[in-house]
Amino acid sequence: MEFLVSFTLVTLLITGTVQITIHTLFLKRNADLNMKTAELASSFLEYLKSLPYESDVLKVGSREESIKEDGSLETFIRQWNVTDIAPNMKRIEVECFSENRRFKKTRLVLYLSKELGF
């Protein structure tokens, strides 16, 4: 009888520990993907800020690129849309997401002014 009670307690403790570990790994993977998409989007905005206002990359329209880094199993999609909101001002919206998780996107917006230079 004592053996059954102790065996049941140990089984419950091990099951709980395994569930917590699996949940923690799932949360870590989600956080890593969120960080990566934010990093890809923000670094691209920094790149766009360094370009001349008349650059081909900053012409009005929508574009998309696929990004696969060395050693990574994930493929990321980066989309950006450039619109003119005034004669000397552009709005650039960048979305970045994992190809496997299209519903979870990081979206950043940048406004560029030709007169101000940023």
Protein backbone atom coordinates (compact mmCIF):
# COMPACT_ATOMS: atom_id res chain seq x y z
CA MET A 1 0.00 0.00 0.00
CA GLU A 2 2.81 2.39 0.90
CA PHE A 3 4.48 1.58 -2.40
CA LEU A 4 1.33 2.47 -4.38
CA VAL A 5 0.93 5.79 -2.57
CA SER A 6 4.59 6.76 -3.05
CA PHE A 7 4.54 5.59 -6.69
CA THR A 8 1.43 7.71 -7.34
CA LEU A 9 3.01 10.79 -5.74
CA VAL A 10 6.23 10.39 -7.73
CA THR A 11 4.26 9.91 -10.96
CA LEU A 12 2.23 13.06 -10.31
CA LEU A 13 5.37 15.07 -9.57
CA ILE A 14 7.14 13.83 -12.71
CA THR A 15 4.08 14.49 -14.88
CA GLY A 16 3.76 18.02 -13.52
CA THR A 17 7.45 18.71 -14.08
CA VAL A 18 7.29 17.46 -17.66
CA GLN A 19 4.24 19.60 -18.41
CA ILE A 20 5.92 22.71 -17.00
CA THR A 21 9.08 21.98 -19.01
CA ILE A 22 7.16 21.52 -22.26
CA HIS A 23 5.19 24.71 -21.68
CA THR A 24 8.39 26.63 -20.88
CA LEU A 25 10.05 25.41 -24.08
CA PHE A 26 6.99 26.46 -26.10
CA LEU A 27 7.04 29.95 -24.54
CA LYS A 28 10.78 30.29 -25.18
CA ARG A 29 10.36 29.38 -28.84
CA ASN A 30 7.58 31.95 -29.23
CA ALA A 31 9.68 34.61 -27.51
CA ASP A 32 12.69 33.80 -29.72
CA LEU A 33 10.57 34.10 -32.86
CA ASN A 34 9.10 37.41 -31.67
CA MET A 35 12.57 38.77 -30.93
CA LYS A 36 13.87 37.66 -34.32
CA THR A 37 11.01 39.27 -36.24
CA ALA A 38 11.44 42.51 -34.27
CA GLU A 39 15.18 42.45 -34.94
CA LEU A 40 14.68 41.86 -38.68
CA ALA A 41 12.10 44.63 -38.95
CA SER A 42 14.04 47.21 -36.93
CA SER A 43 17.36 46.53 -38.66
CA PHE A 44 15.63 46.94 -42.02
CA LEU A 45 14.16 50.28 -40.92
CA GLU A 46 17.64 51.42 -39.93
CA TYR A 47 18.85 50.41 -43.39
CA LEU A 48 16.01 52.35 -45.03
CA LYS A 49 16.83 55.44 -42.96
CA SER A 50 20.39 55.37 -44.29
CA LEU A 51 19.26 55.42 -47.94
CA PRO A 52 18.87 58.60 -49.99
CA TYR A 53 15.29 59.84 -50.22
CA GLU A 54 15.17 59.13 -53.98
CA SER A 55 16.45 55.54 -53.67
CA ASP A 56 14.75 52.78 -55.70
CA VAL A 57 14.02 50.86 -52.51
CA LEU A 58 12.01 53.84 -51.24
CA LYS A 59 9.84 54.19 -54.33
CA VAL A 60 6.10 53.93 -53.79
CA GLY A 61 4.80 50.36 -53.79
CA SER A 62 4.81 47.05 -51.93
CA ARG A 63 7.69 44.62 -51.81
CA GLU A 64 8.46 41.32 -50.15
CA GLU A 65 11.55 39.25 -49.47
CA SER A 66 12.26 35.88 -47.91
CA ILE A 67 15.03 35.59 -45.32
CA LYS A 68 16.69 32.34 -44.29
CA GLU A 69 19.67 32.65 -42.01
CA ASP A 70 22.52 30.17 -41.75
CA GLY A 71 21.90 27.54 -39.10
CA SER A 72 18.25 28.46 -38.72
CA LEU A 73 15.35 26.20 -39.63
CA GLU A 74 12.93 29.13 -39.82
CA THR A 75 12.25 31.17 -42.93
CA PHE A 76 11.10 34.72 -42.34
CA ILE A 77 9.13 36.96 -44.66
CA ARG A 78 9.71 40.70 -44.67
CA GLN A 79 7.16 42.89 -46.44
CA TRP A 80 7.27 46.64 -46.78
CA ASN A 81 4.94 49.20 -48.24
CA VAL A 82 6.03 52.73 -49.18
CA THR A 83 3.41 55.44 -49.64
CA ASP A 84 3.71 59.17 -50.25
CA ILE A 85 1.73 61.07 -47.66
CA ALA A 86 2.95 64.53 -48.69
CA PRO A 87 5.17 65.93 -51.45
CA ASN A 88 8.30 65.52 -49.30
CA MET A 89 7.22 62.80 -46.86
CA LYS A 90 6.93 59.02 -47.09
CA ARG A 91 5.33 56.43 -44.84
CA ILE A 92 7.08 53.07 -44.74
CA GLU A 93 5.36 50.13 -43.07
CA VAL A 94 7.46 47.02 -42.47
CA GLU A 95 5.96 43.66 -41.48
CA CYS A 96 8.06 40.69 -40.56
CA PHE A 97 6.88 37.21 -39.64
CA SER A 98 7.82 33.55 -39.69
CA GLU A 99 6.67 31.64 -42.73
CA ASN A 100 5.16 29.02 -40.41
CA ARG A 101 3.37 31.59 -38.23
CA ARG A 102 1.88 34.15 -40.58
CA PHE A 103 -0.71 35.20 -38.00
CA LYS A 104 1.95 36.54 -35.59
CA LYS A 105 3.50 39.60 -37.22
CA THR A 106 5.79 42.39 -36.12
CA ARG A 107 4.79 45.67 -37.74
CA LEU A 108 6.82 48.88 -37.59
CA VAL A 109 6.16 52.23 -39.28
CA LEU A 110 8.70 54.84 -40.31
CA TYR A 111 8.03 58.34 -41.60
CA LEU A 112 10.77 59.87 -43.79
CA SER A 113 10.99 63.55 -44.51
CA LYS A 114 13.09 64.79 -47.42
CA GLU A 115 13.43 68.23 -45.86
CA LEU A 116 14.58 66.93 -42.48
CA GLY A 117 16.75 64.14 -43.91
CA PHE A 118 15.26 61.43 -41.68
